[in-house]
């Protein structure tokens, strides 16, 4: 059994900064584990998937992924800024959903009650081609169950589902990245901070 599965894709797109996406077995770190770390930077998508469910495997996985900041350039972008910050203990520079949450808040559904549109999920904003054909896709809430089934069976195809869910989310988040004018502001801000540190 491998300790960590590493998958890599090259894409015809060049990002400034890094989009981060994690898959976990719980909402809070004290109640569960981080089992997947996905990174989209430059023209590369890189996903680390924990495969050893033992406590030793957890330690090895954490050690394996802790170097991600050494090769992933800032600014860091995420679909759920506070969630990724909590799990990675790292400041995320920009929340890719912020623009769309504000857009929802500006849409009043019922004038009398002033009820506003609910915040969207990334899968509601950006559908995947295979969804058109009725093929199912898992969501983040399915990850804990898939991880538990994998721990009992050792069936690596269950981890493939988690990996591909993470990949699809990174691709969706790249669409949000391209549609958000404030992304450029985050890039300029990080570059200015780096110049300031170097005394340029």
Foldseek 3Di string as FASTA:
>chain_A
DDQKDKDKDFAPDADDFKEWDWFWLDQAPVVTATAKIWICHGRMIMMIGGQDPDPVSRVVSCVVCLCVPVPTGDQYEYCDQVSCCRRNVDHHLYHLQPVQQVVQLPAQPDPVVSDTGHRDHLCVVDPDPVVVVVDDADESNCVNVLVVVCVVPVPCVSVVSVVVNRVVRSVSSVVSCVVDPCVVVRSVVVVVVVCVVVVD
